[in-house]
Amino acid sequence: MLRLAPPVREDIVAHARGGVPEEVCGILAGRHGAAADGEASTAHESARATNAADSPRNRYELAPAEQLELMRDLEADGDEVVGFYHSHPRGPPAPSNVDAHEATWTGYSYVIVSLGADSPDVRSWRWTGERFEREPVRVADS
């Protein structure tokens, strides 16, 4: 399970809305729980990143230098990387084939904000190293 602090959910949804028609992306920080042990992760902070993909309307990419800098800043505050987020402005709240091909952080959460339909849909998936497995998202203070 992934627990999202309400301000984190609000921030990533606002980021997604502000980025339309392109996908946006960023990093989630807090306390990382081991999915294999049934531990929940808690994200109480988000850090927006620039989408460095060649075609940001249908994919996302965190530039390595910016990703490293954001991760160092988050960890300097005593947080752990919990996972990553990105948006699907027109698509479903599920990982695409491109998302699966590009995933590298085994055991971490990949949150997708879908802006289709009437209201945003925020879902999370853990990367097993081979595939994404959906994990429940609970919006609550940690």
C-alpha atoms as a PDB file:
ATOM      1  CA  MET A   1       0.000   0.000   0.000  1.00  0.00           C
ATOM      2  CA  LEU A   2       1.007   3.583  -0.607  1.00  0.00           C
ATOM      3  CA  ARG A   3      -0.126   6.285   1.797  1.00  0.00           C
ATOM      4  CA  LEU A   4      -0.211   9.748   0.232  1.00  0.00           C
ATOM      5  CA  ALA A   5      -0.427  12.793   2.460  1.00  0.00           C
ATOM      6  CA  PRO A   6      -3.304  15.004   1.247  1.00  0.00           C
ATOM      7  CA  PRO A   7      -0.959  17.876   0.239  1.00  0.00           C
ATOM      8  CA  VAL A   8       1.085  15.436  -1.871  1.00  0.00           C
ATOM      9  CA  ARG A   9      -1.984  14.218  -3.738  1.00  0.00           C
ATOM     10  CA  GLU A  10      -3.094  17.816  -4.268  1.00  0.00           C
ATOM     11  CA  ASP A  11       0.350  18.818  -5.561  1.00  0.00           C
ATOM     12  CA  ILE A  12       0.748  15.977  -8.050  1.00  0.00           C
ATOM     13  CA  VAL A  13      -2.796  16.483  -9.382  1.00  0.00           C
ATOM     14  CA  ALA A  14      -2.159  20.245  -9.734  1.00  0.00           C
ATOM     15  CA  HIS A  15       1.142  19.492 -11.484  1.00  0.00           C
ATOM     16  CA  ALA A  16      -0.639  17.129 -13.890  1.00  0.00           C
ATOM     17  CA  ARG A  17      -3.370  19.662 -14.657  1.00  0.00           C
ATOM     18  CA  GLY A  18      -0.824  22.430 -15.196  1.00  0.00           C
ATOM     19  CA  GLY A  19       1.187  20.317 -17.616  1.00  0.00           C
ATOM     20  CA  VAL A  20      -1.607  19.436 -20.052  1.00  0.00           C
ATOM     21  CA  PRO A  21      -1.244  18.431 -22.859  1.00  0.00           C
ATOM     22  CA  GLU A  22       2.129  16.976 -21.840  1.00  0.00           C
ATOM     23  CA  GLU A  23       2.925  14.370 -19.221  1.00  0.00           C
ATOM     24  CA  VAL A  24       4.529  15.662 -16.035  1.00  0.00           C
ATOM     25  CA  CYS A  25       6.756  13.765 -13.620  1.00  0.00           C
ATOM     26  CA  GLY A  26       8.405  13.909 -10.236  1.00  0.00           C
ATOM     27  CA  ILE A  27       9.661  12.068  -7.186  1.00  0.00           C
ATOM     28  CA  LEU A  28       7.834  11.013  -4.018  1.00  0.00           C
ATOM     29  CA  ALA A  29       9.596  10.982  -0.667  1.00  0.00           C
ATOM     30  CA  GLY A  30       8.845   9.849   2.853  1.00  0.00           C
ATOM     31  CA  ARG A  31       9.265   6.360   4.283  1.00  0.00           C
ATOM     32  CA  HIS A  32       9.809   3.436   1.928  1.00  0.00           C
ATOM     33  CA  GLY A  33       8.151   0.178   2.965  1.00  0.00           C
ATOM     34  CA  ALA A  34       9.163  -3.178   1.557  1.00  0.00           C
ATOM     35  CA  ALA A  35       6.253  -4.528  -0.492  1.00  0.00           C
ATOM     36  CA  ALA A  36       7.568  -8.083  -0.136  1.00  0.00           C
ATOM     37  CA  ASP A  37       7.118  -7.762   3.633  1.00  0.00           C
ATOM     38  CA  GLY A  38       3.674  -6.198   3.270  1.00  0.00           C
ATOM     39  CA  GLU A  39       4.909  -2.829   4.525  1.00  0.00           C
ATOM     40  CA  ALA A  40       3.211   0.315   3.298  1.00  0.00           C
ATOM     41  CA  SER A  41       5.212   3.226   1.941  1.00  0.00           C
ATOM     42  CA  THR A  42       4.281   6.727   3.027  1.00  0.00           C
ATOM     43  CA  ALA A  43       4.811   9.768   0.794  1.00  0.00           C
ATOM     44  CA  HIS A  44       4.626  13.078   2.646  1.00  0.00           C
ATOM     45  CA  GLU A  45       6.582  15.114   0.109  1.00  0.00           C
ATOM     46  CA  SER A  46       6.717  15.449  -3.666  1.00  0.00           C
ATOM     47  CA  ALA A  47       9.340  17.067  -5.840  1.00  0.00           C
ATOM     48  CA  ARG A  48       8.420  18.214  -9.328  1.00  0.00           C
ATOM     49  CA  ALA A  49      10.817  17.405 -12.134  1.00  0.00           C
ATOM     50  CA  THR A  50      11.108  18.587 -15.707  1.00  0.00           C
ATOM     51  CA  ASN A  51       9.885  16.081 -18.273  1.00  0.00           C
ATOM     52  CA  ALA A  52      12.988  15.609 -20.411  1.00  0.00           C
ATOM     53  CA  ALA A  53      11.415  13.146 -22.885  1.00  0.00           C
ATOM     54  CA  ASP A  54      11.741  13.795 -26.615  1.00  0.00           C
ATOM     55  CA  SER A  55       7.967  13.372 -26.958  1.00  0.00           C
ATOM     56  CA  PRO A  56       6.495  14.590 -23.644  1.00  0.00           C
ATOM     57  CA  ARG A  57       2.912  14.293 -24.894  1.00  0.00           C
ATOM     58  CA  ASN A  58       3.076  10.510 -24.638  1.00  0.00           C
ATOM     59  CA  ARG A  59       5.983   9.637 -22.354  1.00  0.00           C
ATOM     60  CA  TYR A  60       8.071  10.968 -19.523  1.00  0.00           C
ATOM     61  CA  GLU A  61      11.723  10.945 -18.579  1.00  0.00           C
ATOM     62  CA  LEU A  62      13.542  12.390 -15.612  1.00  0.00           C
ATOM     63  CA  ALA A  63      16.884  13.876 -16.638  1.00  0.00           C
ATOM     64  CA  PRO A  64      19.537  11.965 -14.670  1.00  0.00           C
ATOM     65  CA  ALA A  65      21.280  15.068 -13.285  1.00  0.00           C
ATOM     66  CA  GLU A  66      18.014  16.646 -12.113  1.00  0.00           C
ATOM     67  CA  GLN A  67      16.803  13.332 -10.660  1.00  0.00           C
ATOM     68  CA  LEU A  68      20.017  12.961  -8.675  1.00  0.00           C
ATOM     69  CA  GLU A  69      19.816  16.542  -7.398  1.00  0.00           C
ATOM     70  CA  LEU A  70      16.176  16.170  -6.315  1.00  0.00           C
ATOM     71  CA  MET A  71      16.911  12.862  -4.603  1.00  0.00           C
ATOM     72  CA  ARG A  72      19.879  14.340  -2.741  1.00  0.00           C
ATOM     73  CA  ASP A  73      17.737  17.270  -1.569  1.00  0.00           C
ATOM     74  CA  LEU A  74      14.969  14.974  -0.342  1.00  0.00           C
ATOM     75  CA  GLU A  75      17.389  12.639   1.414  1.00  0.00           C
ATOM     76  CA  ALA A  76      19.232  15.593   2.997  1.00  0.00           C
ATOM     77  CA  ASP A  77      15.951  16.389   4.752  1.00  0.00           C
ATOM     78  CA  GLY A  78      15.937  12.856   6.197  1.00  0.00           C
ATOM     79  CA  ASP A  79      13.434  11.373   3.747  1.00  0.00           C
ATOM     80  CA  GLU A  80      13.707   8.263   1.618  1.00  0.00           C
ATOM     81  CA  VAL A  81      12.700   7.945  -1.995  1.00  0.00           C
ATOM     82  CA  VAL A  82       9.315   6.205  -2.031  1.00  0.00           C
ATOM     83  CA  GLY A  83       8.768   6.257  -5.758  1.00  0.00           C
ATOM     84  CA  PHE A  84       7.921   8.362  -8.758  1.00  0.00           C
ATOM     85  CA  TYR A  85       4.861   9.894 -10.342  1.00  0.00           C
ATOM     86  CA  HIS A  86       3.792  10.953 -13.781  1.00  0.00           C
ATOM     87  CA  SER A  87       0.598  11.874 -15.553  1.00  0.00           C
ATOM     88  CA  HIS A  88      -1.470  10.458 -18.362  1.00  0.00           C
ATOM     89  CA  PRO A  89      -3.357  13.549 -19.562  1.00  0.00           C
ATOM     90  CA  ARG A  90      -5.522  11.562 -21.964  1.00  0.00           C
ATOM     91  CA  GLY A  91      -4.847   7.994 -21.004  1.00  0.00           C
ATOM     92  CA  PRO A  92      -5.793   5.419 -18.437  1.00  0.00           C
ATOM     93  CA  PRO A  93      -4.368   5.383 -14.889  1.00  0.00           C
ATOM     94  CA  ALA A  94      -2.311   2.294 -15.692  1.00  0.00           C
ATOM     95  CA  PRO A  95       1.284   1.851 -16.817  1.00  0.00           C
ATOM     96  CA  SER A  96       1.854   1.812 -20.549  1.00  0.00           C
ATOM     97  CA  ASN A  97       4.217  -0.543 -22.350  1.00  0.00           C
ATOM     98  CA  VAL A  98       6.712   2.337 -22.468  1.00  0.00           C
ATOM     99  CA  ASP A  99       6.373   2.819 -18.690  1.00  0.00           C
ATOM    100  CA  ALA A 100       7.151  -0.870 -18.114  1.00  0.00           C
ATOM    101  CA  HIS A 101      10.083  -0.813 -20.512  1.00  0.00           C
ATOM    102  CA  GLU A 102      11.618   2.217 -18.773  1.00  0.00           C
ATOM    103  CA  ALA A 103      10.986   1.170 -15.131  1.00  0.00           C
ATOM    104  CA  THR A 104      14.138   0.465 -13.141  1.00  0.00           C
ATOM    105  CA  TRP A 105      13.385   0.911  -9.433  1.00  0.00           C
ATOM    106  CA  THR A 106      12.376  -2.547  -8.224  1.00  0.00           C
ATOM    107  CA  GLY A 107      10.068  -2.452  -5.197  1.00  0.00           C
ATOM    108  CA  TYR A 108       9.238   1.237  -5.564  1.00  0.00           C
ATOM    109  CA  SER A 109       5.902   2.905  -6.271  1.00  0.00           C
ATOM    110  CA  TYR A 110       5.050   4.399  -9.638  1.00  0.00           C
ATOM    111  CA  VAL A 111       2.039   6.691  -9.292  1.00  0.00           C
ATOM    112  CA  ILE A 112       0.002   7.638 -12.336  1.00  0.00           C
ATOM    113  CA  VAL A 113      -2.352  10.612 -12.372  1.00  0.00           C
ATOM    114  CA  SER A 114      -4.969  10.220 -15.093  1.00  0.00           C
ATOM    115  CA  LEU A 115      -6.899  13.317 -16.080  1.00  0.00           C
ATOM    116  CA  GLY A 116      -9.455  11.551 -18.231  1.00  0.00           C
ATOM    117  CA  ALA A 117     -13.161  11.551 -17.322  1.00  0.00           C
ATOM    118  CA  ASP A 118     -14.645  13.920 -14.749  1.00  0.00           C
ATOM    119  CA  SER A 119     -12.105  13.903 -11.935  1.00  0.00           C
ATOM    120  CA  PRO A 120      -8.463  12.909 -11.622  1.00  0.00           C
ATOM    121  CA  ASP A 121      -7.711   9.283 -10.875  1.00  0.00           C
ATOM    122  CA  VAL A 122      -4.568   8.622  -8.835  1.00  0.00           C
ATOM    123  CA  ARG A 123      -3.324   5.031  -8.803  1.00  0.00           C
ATOM    124  CA  SER A 124      -0.079   3.363  -7.808  1.00  0.00           C
ATOM    125  CA  TRP A 125       1.859   0.400  -9.089  1.00  0.00           C
ATOM    126  CA  ARG A 126       4.966  -1.316  -7.664  1.00  0.00           C
ATOM    127  CA  TRP A 127       7.614  -2.447 -10.087  1.00  0.00           C
ATOM    128  CA  THR A 128       8.653  -6.070  -9.397  1.00  0.00           C
ATOM    129  CA  GLY A 129      11.592  -5.989 -11.778  1.00  0.00           C
ATOM    130  CA  GLU A 130       9.485  -7.786 -14.381  1.00  0.00           C
ATOM    131  CA  ARG A 131       6.058  -6.173 -14.234  1.00  0.00           C
ATOM    132  CA  PHE A 132       3.898  -3.649 -12.431  1.00  0.00           C
ATOM    133  CA  GLU A 133       1.582  -4.805  -9.637  1.00  0.00           C
ATOM    134  CA  ARG A 134      -1.193  -2.494  -8.570  1.00  0.00           C
ATOM    135  CA  GLU A 135      -1.072  -1.339  -4.973  1.00  0.00           C
ATOM    136  CA  PRO A 136      -3.819   0.401  -2.999  1.00  0.00           C
ATOM    137  CA  VAL A 137      -3.510   4.161  -2.479  1.00  0.00           C
ATOM    138  CA  ARG A 138      -4.777   5.685   0.726  1.00  0.00           C
ATOM    139  CA  VAL A 139      -4.881   9.460   1.083  1.00  0.00           C
ATOM    140  CA  ALA A 140      -4.240  10.169   4.739  1.00  0.00           C
ATOM    141  CA  ASP A 141      -1.846  11.976   7.018  1.00  0.00           C
ATOM    142  CA  SER A 142       1.023   9.757   8.079  1.00  0.00           C
END
